[in-house]
Amino acid sequence: MTVLQVEGVSKNFGGLSVLKDVSFTVEAGEKLALIGPNGAGKSTLLNVIGGQLSTSSGKVTLGGRDITSIPPNKRLHEGLGRSYQVNNLFFELSILDNVLLAHYGAERAHFRMLSSIEKRGDLRASAEVLLEAVGLWDKRLQTMHTLSYGDQRLVELALAYAASPKMVLLDEPSAGLPTAEASSFADIVRKLSPGISVLFCAHDMDLVFSLADNIMVLNFGEVLCTGTPDEVSCNVKVQECYLGVEGSC
């Protein structure tokens, strides 16, 4: 079943064309990596799908519903989770409070400002599942600003799954991490994502080839090719324009 469908999406900033007629699909449970040179349009594409940027033309469909014109919070309610390249956290609050707020904010009901979030046992149970999955339950009461950058990235990752999404967008999830910490990211994402589709942008080729079912390569805002990791790594055009080598398999 197709979870995400992007049809003929283009994005222009004045006279600059950043995305050009981009079309692809992501199936249920598929992990699709988005790679390409700097300036290829990867983050712009994630922002268009996430609703942070509008399209200049084209259509985005999630779970069969056209979400092209709806704001990011409505896309969250339709089942689209998101993490960012720069941590987007409440640094003066605890890990647990950050995750509880993410769960609470994902609910369709209006906020009840005078109610205590701590009394919501269902939210705490969900937060425990997420924090156990990323290995941070034992640190749940630590304030965010006391954590290592790697642990902050793990919290950011957990927040993307707080709304029980159909689809998650991850923008450079392992950026800035030491190799030892980055290598565990694929296992953590798999643990969080049984049956959940993932579209992730990364320069970390170890993460890409260990996690992705398929890889899509962007170049100057256009889809250069899409295929399995083996197919993409053997593609001569990819080798020349992105991997920087010549020859073929």
Protein backbone atom coordinates (compact mmCIF):
# COMPACT_ATOMS: atom_id res chain seq x y z
CA MET A 1 0.00 0.00 0.00
CA THR A 2 1.29 3.45 -0.91
CA VAL A 3 1.61 5.72 2.14
CA LEU A 4 3.23 8.78 0.53
CA GLN A 5 2.82 9.92 -3.06
CA VAL A 6 4.65 12.95 -4.43
CA GLU A 7 3.48 13.97 -7.90
CA GLY A 8 5.26 16.53 -10.09
CA VAL A 9 6.43 18.68 -7.18
CA SER A 10 8.43 21.79 -8.04
CA LYS A 11 9.65 24.54 -5.72
CA ASN A 12 10.92 27.91 -6.86
CA PHE A 13 12.42 30.73 -4.82
CA GLY A 14 11.98 33.71 -7.12
CA GLY A 15 13.87 32.81 -10.29
CA LEU A 16 15.72 29.93 -8.63
CA SER A 17 14.27 26.47 -9.28
CA VAL A 18 15.23 24.19 -6.36
CA LEU A 19 12.93 21.23 -7.09
CA LYS A 20 11.92 20.28 -10.62
CA ASP A 21 8.98 17.95 -11.26
CA VAL A 22 9.85 15.49 -8.48
CA SER A 23 7.68 12.35 -8.36
CA PHE A 24 8.00 9.21 -6.23
CA THR A 25 6.11 6.98 -3.80
CA VAL A 26 6.87 5.41 -0.43
CA GLU A 27 5.15 2.15 0.41
CA ALA A 28 3.94 0.96 3.82
CA GLY A 29 6.92 0.06 5.99
CA GLU A 30 9.47 1.16 3.37
CA LYS A 31 12.65 2.92 4.44
CA LEU A 32 13.61 5.30 1.60
CA ALA A 33 16.90 7.20 1.80
CA LEU A 34 17.24 10.56 0.06
CA ILE A 35 20.81 11.38 -0.95
CA GLY A 36 22.54 13.85 -3.25
CA PRO A 37 25.22 16.54 -3.35
CA ASN A 38 24.94 19.66 -1.21
CA GLY A 39 22.36 21.96 -2.76
CA ALA A 40 20.52 19.12 -4.50
CA GLY A 41 17.21 20.08 -2.82
CA LYS A 42 16.99 17.34 -0.19
CA SER A 43 16.00 19.47 2.80
CA THR A 44 13.71 21.56 0.60
CA LEU A 45 11.89 18.39 -0.45
CA LEU A 46 11.46 17.29 3.18
CA ASN A 47 10.16 20.75 4.07
CA VAL A 48 7.65 20.66 1.22
CA ILE A 49 6.39 17.24 2.32
CA GLY A 50 6.33 18.37 5.96
CA GLY A 51 4.44 21.57 5.15
CA GLN A 52 7.14 24.01 6.25
CA LEU A 53 7.33 25.15 2.61
CA SER A 54 4.54 25.37 0.07
CA THR A 55 4.85 23.81 -3.37
CA SER A 56 5.18 25.94 -6.49
CA SER A 57 3.39 23.14 -8.33
CA GLY A 58 2.56 19.49 -7.81
CA LYS A 59 0.76 17.40 -5.23
CA VAL A 60 1.56 15.55 -1.98
CA THR A 61 -0.70 12.74 -0.82
CA LEU A 62 -0.45 10.94 2.54
CA GLY A 63 -2.46 7.79 3.13
CA GLY A 64 -4.67 8.64 0.16
CA ARG A 65 -5.44 12.20 1.34
CA ASP A 66 -4.21 15.30 -0.46
CA ILE A 67 -2.15 17.24 2.12
CA THR A 68 -0.56 19.69 -0.32
CA SER A 69 -2.20 22.77 1.16
CA ILE A 70 -2.66 21.89 4.82
CA PRO A 71 -0.36 23.23 7.59
CA PRO A 72 2.25 21.12 9.41
CA ASN A 73 0.13 20.55 12.55
CA LYS A 74 -2.68 19.11 10.42
CA ARG A 75 -0.17 16.86 8.64
CA LEU A 76 0.87 15.60 12.07
CA HIS A 77 -2.73 14.63 12.75
CA GLU A 78 -2.86 12.86 9.38
CA GLY A 79 0.06 10.67 10.48
CA LEU A 80 3.23 12.51 9.43
CA GLY A 81 6.05 12.63 11.99
CA ARG A 82 9.16 14.76 11.60
CA SER A 83 12.62 15.32 13.05
CA TYR A 84 14.91 18.19 12.13
CA GLN A 85 18.56 18.61 11.29
CA VAL A 86 18.91 21.05 14.21
CA ASN A 87 17.54 19.84 17.55
CA ASN A 88 14.10 21.35 18.26
CA LEU A 89 13.70 20.68 21.98
CA PHE A 90 12.69 22.30 25.29
CA PHE A 91 16.15 22.43 26.81
CA GLU A 92 15.05 23.52 30.30
CA LEU A 93 12.65 20.58 30.67
CA SER A 94 13.38 16.92 31.34
CA ILE A 95 13.56 14.25 28.67
CA LEU A 96 10.28 12.81 29.95
CA ASP A 97 8.50 16.18 29.85
CA ASN A 98 9.66 16.75 26.27
CA VAL A 99 8.19 13.43 25.18
CA LEU A 100 4.99 13.88 27.20
CA LEU A 101 4.44 17.29 25.57
CA ALA A 102 5.00 15.78 22.12
CA HIS A 103 2.38 13.12 22.82
CA TYR A 104 -0.03 15.73 24.22
CA GLY A 105 0.50 18.11 21.31
CA ALA A 106 -0.21 15.33 18.81
CA GLU A 107 -3.74 14.84 20.14
CA ARG A 108 -6.57 16.27 18.10
CA ALA A 109 -8.40 17.57 21.18
CA HIS A 110 -7.80 21.14 22.30
CA PHE A 111 -5.26 21.76 25.04
CA ARG A 112 -6.67 21.85 28.56
CA MET A 113 -4.27 24.35 30.10
CA LEU A 114 -5.32 23.78 33.72
CA SER A 115 -5.10 19.99 33.63
CA SER A 116 -2.00 18.12 34.81
CA ILE A 117 -0.15 16.21 32.11
CA GLU A 118 1.44 14.09 34.83
CA LYS A 119 -1.95 12.51 35.58
CA ARG A 120 -2.19 11.11 32.07
CA GLY A 121 -1.05 7.53 32.63
CA ASP A 122 -1.63 6.68 28.97
CA LEU A 123 0.83 9.37 27.85
CA ARG A 124 3.42 8.26 30.39
CA ALA A 125 3.10 4.65 29.20
CA SER A 126 3.63 5.73 25.58
CA ALA A 127 6.58 7.89 26.57
CA GLU A 128 8.14 4.95 28.40
CA VAL A 129 7.88 2.76 25.31
CA LEU A 130 9.60 5.41 23.17
CA LEU A 131 12.34 6.17 25.66
CA GLU A 132 13.03 2.50 26.25
CA ALA A 133 13.37 2.07 22.47
CA VAL A 134 16.02 4.79 22.25
CA GLY A 135 17.74 3.71 25.47
CA LEU A 136 16.96 6.82 27.53
CA TRP A 137 14.30 5.72 30.03
CA ASP A 138 16.84 5.60 32.86
CA LYS A 139 17.75 9.23 32.10
CA ARG A 140 14.14 10.39 31.78
CA LEU A 141 14.33 12.96 34.62
CA GLN A 142 17.51 14.62 33.37
CA THR A 143 17.14 18.14 31.99
CA MET A 144 17.73 18.34 28.25
CA HIS A 145 20.61 20.80 28.43
CA THR A 146 22.61 18.38 30.62
CA LEU A 147 22.59 15.66 27.95
CA SER A 148 25.24 14.88 25.37
CA TYR A 149 24.51 15.93 21.81
CA GLY A 150 24.04 12.26 20.90
CA ASP A 151 21.35 11.78 23.55
CA GLN A 152 19.62 14.97 22.41
CA ARG A 153 19.50 13.55 18.87
CA LEU A 154 17.89 10.40 20.28
CA VAL A 155 15.22 12.49 22.03
CA GLU A 156 14.60 14.35 18.76
CA LEU A 157 14.17 10.98 17.08
CA ALA A 158 11.74 9.79 19.76
CA LEU A 159 9.61 12.93 19.33
CA ALA A 160 9.13 12.14 15.64
CA TYR A 161 7.34 8.95 16.65
CA ALA A 162 5.24 10.42 19.47
CA ALA A 163 2.07 10.72 17.37
CA SER A 164 2.08 7.05 16.24
CA PRO A 165 2.69 8.17 12.65
CA LYS A 166 2.14 6.35 9.38
CA MET A 167 5.21 8.08 7.95
CA VAL A 168 8.28 9.73 9.45
CA LEU A 169 10.62 12.30 7.87
CA LEU A 170 14.15 12.35 9.27
CA ASP A 171 16.54 15.12 8.23
CA GLU A 172 20.18 14.07 8.80
CA PRO A 173 19.29 12.08 11.95
CA SER A 174 22.90 11.11 12.71
CA ALA A 175 24.51 14.45 11.79
CA GLY A 176 27.23 15.52 14.19
CA LEU A 177 27.45 12.20 16.00
CA PRO A 178 30.65 10.23 16.57
CA THR A 179 30.92 7.14 14.37
CA ALA A 180 30.24 4.78 17.28
CA GLU A 181 26.93 6.51 18.13
CA ALA A 182 25.88 6.98 14.50
CA SER A 183 26.31 3.27 13.81
CA SER A 184 23.55 2.37 16.29
CA PHE A 185 21.01 4.71 14.66
CA ALA A 186 19.85 2.20 12.05
CA ASP A 187 19.01 -0.36 14.75
CA ILE A 188 17.12 2.24 16.78
CA VAL A 189 15.09 3.44 13.79
CA ARG A 190 14.18 -0.15 12.93
CA LYS A 191 13.07 -0.72 16.52
CA LEU A 192 10.88 2.39 16.40
CA SER A 193 9.51 1.72 12.92
CA PRO A 194 7.84 -1.69 12.60
CA GLY A 195 5.41 -1.10 9.75
CA ILE A 196 6.07 2.67 9.72
CA SER A 197 7.35 4.24 6.51
CA VAL A 198 10.50 6.37 6.76
CA LEU A 199 11.92 8.94 4.35
CA PHE A 200 15.31 10.09 5.57
CA CYS A 201 17.93 12.44 4.21
CA ALA A 202 21.53 11.59 5.07
CA HIS A 203 25.14 12.06 4.05
CA ASP A 204 26.17 9.17 6.30
CA MET A 205 26.52 6.37 3.75
CA ASP A 206 26.91 3.72 6.47
CA LEU A 207 23.48 4.70 7.80
CA VAL A 208 22.01 4.85 4.30
CA PHE A 209 23.20 1.42 3.22
CA SER A 210 22.40 -0.26 6.54
CA LEU A 211 18.86 1.14 6.89
CA ALA A 212 17.42 1.89 3.45
CA ASP A 213 15.27 -0.53 1.46
CA ASN A 214 15.58 1.87 -1.46
CA ILE A 215 17.56 5.00 -2.24
CA MET A 216 16.51 8.05 -4.26
CA VAL A 217 19.25 10.35 -5.58
CA LEU A 218 18.55 14.04 -6.15
CA ASN A 219 20.79 16.18 -8.35
CA PHE A 220 20.09 19.86 -9.05
CA GLY A 221 16.51 19.39 -7.83
CA GLU A 222 15.71 16.44 -10.09
CA VAL A 223 15.46 12.71 -9.41
CA LEU A 224 18.60 11.18 -10.89
CA CYS A 225 17.68 7.60 -10.05
CA THR A 226 15.85 5.38 -7.56
CA GLY A 227 16.62 1.78 -6.69
CA THR A 228 17.92 -0.65 -4.12
CA PRO A 229 21.24 0.15 -2.42
CA ASP A 230 23.03 -2.25 -4.76
CA GLU A 231 21.41 -0.76 -7.85
CA VAL A 232 22.20 2.81 -6.81
CA SER A 233 25.79 2.10 -5.81
CA CYS A 234 26.35 0.51 -9.25
CA ASN A 235 24.75 3.36 -11.17
CA VAL A 236 27.38 5.13 -13.28
CA LYS A 237 25.64 8.51 -13.13
CA VAL A 238 25.50 8.34 -9.32
CA GLN A 239 29.15 7.37 -9.13
CA GLU A 240 30.15 10.31 -11.30
CA CYS A 241 27.96 13.09 -9.87
CA TYR A 242 27.75 12.10 -6.20
CA LEU A 243 30.14 9.40 -5.12
CA GLY A 244 32.94 11.04 -7.11
CA VAL A 245 34.25 7.93 -8.83
CA GLU A 246 34.27 6.61 -12.37
CA GLY A 247 33.39 3.20 -13.68
CA SER A 248 30.60 0.69 -13.16
CA CYS A 249 29.92 -2.60 -11.44
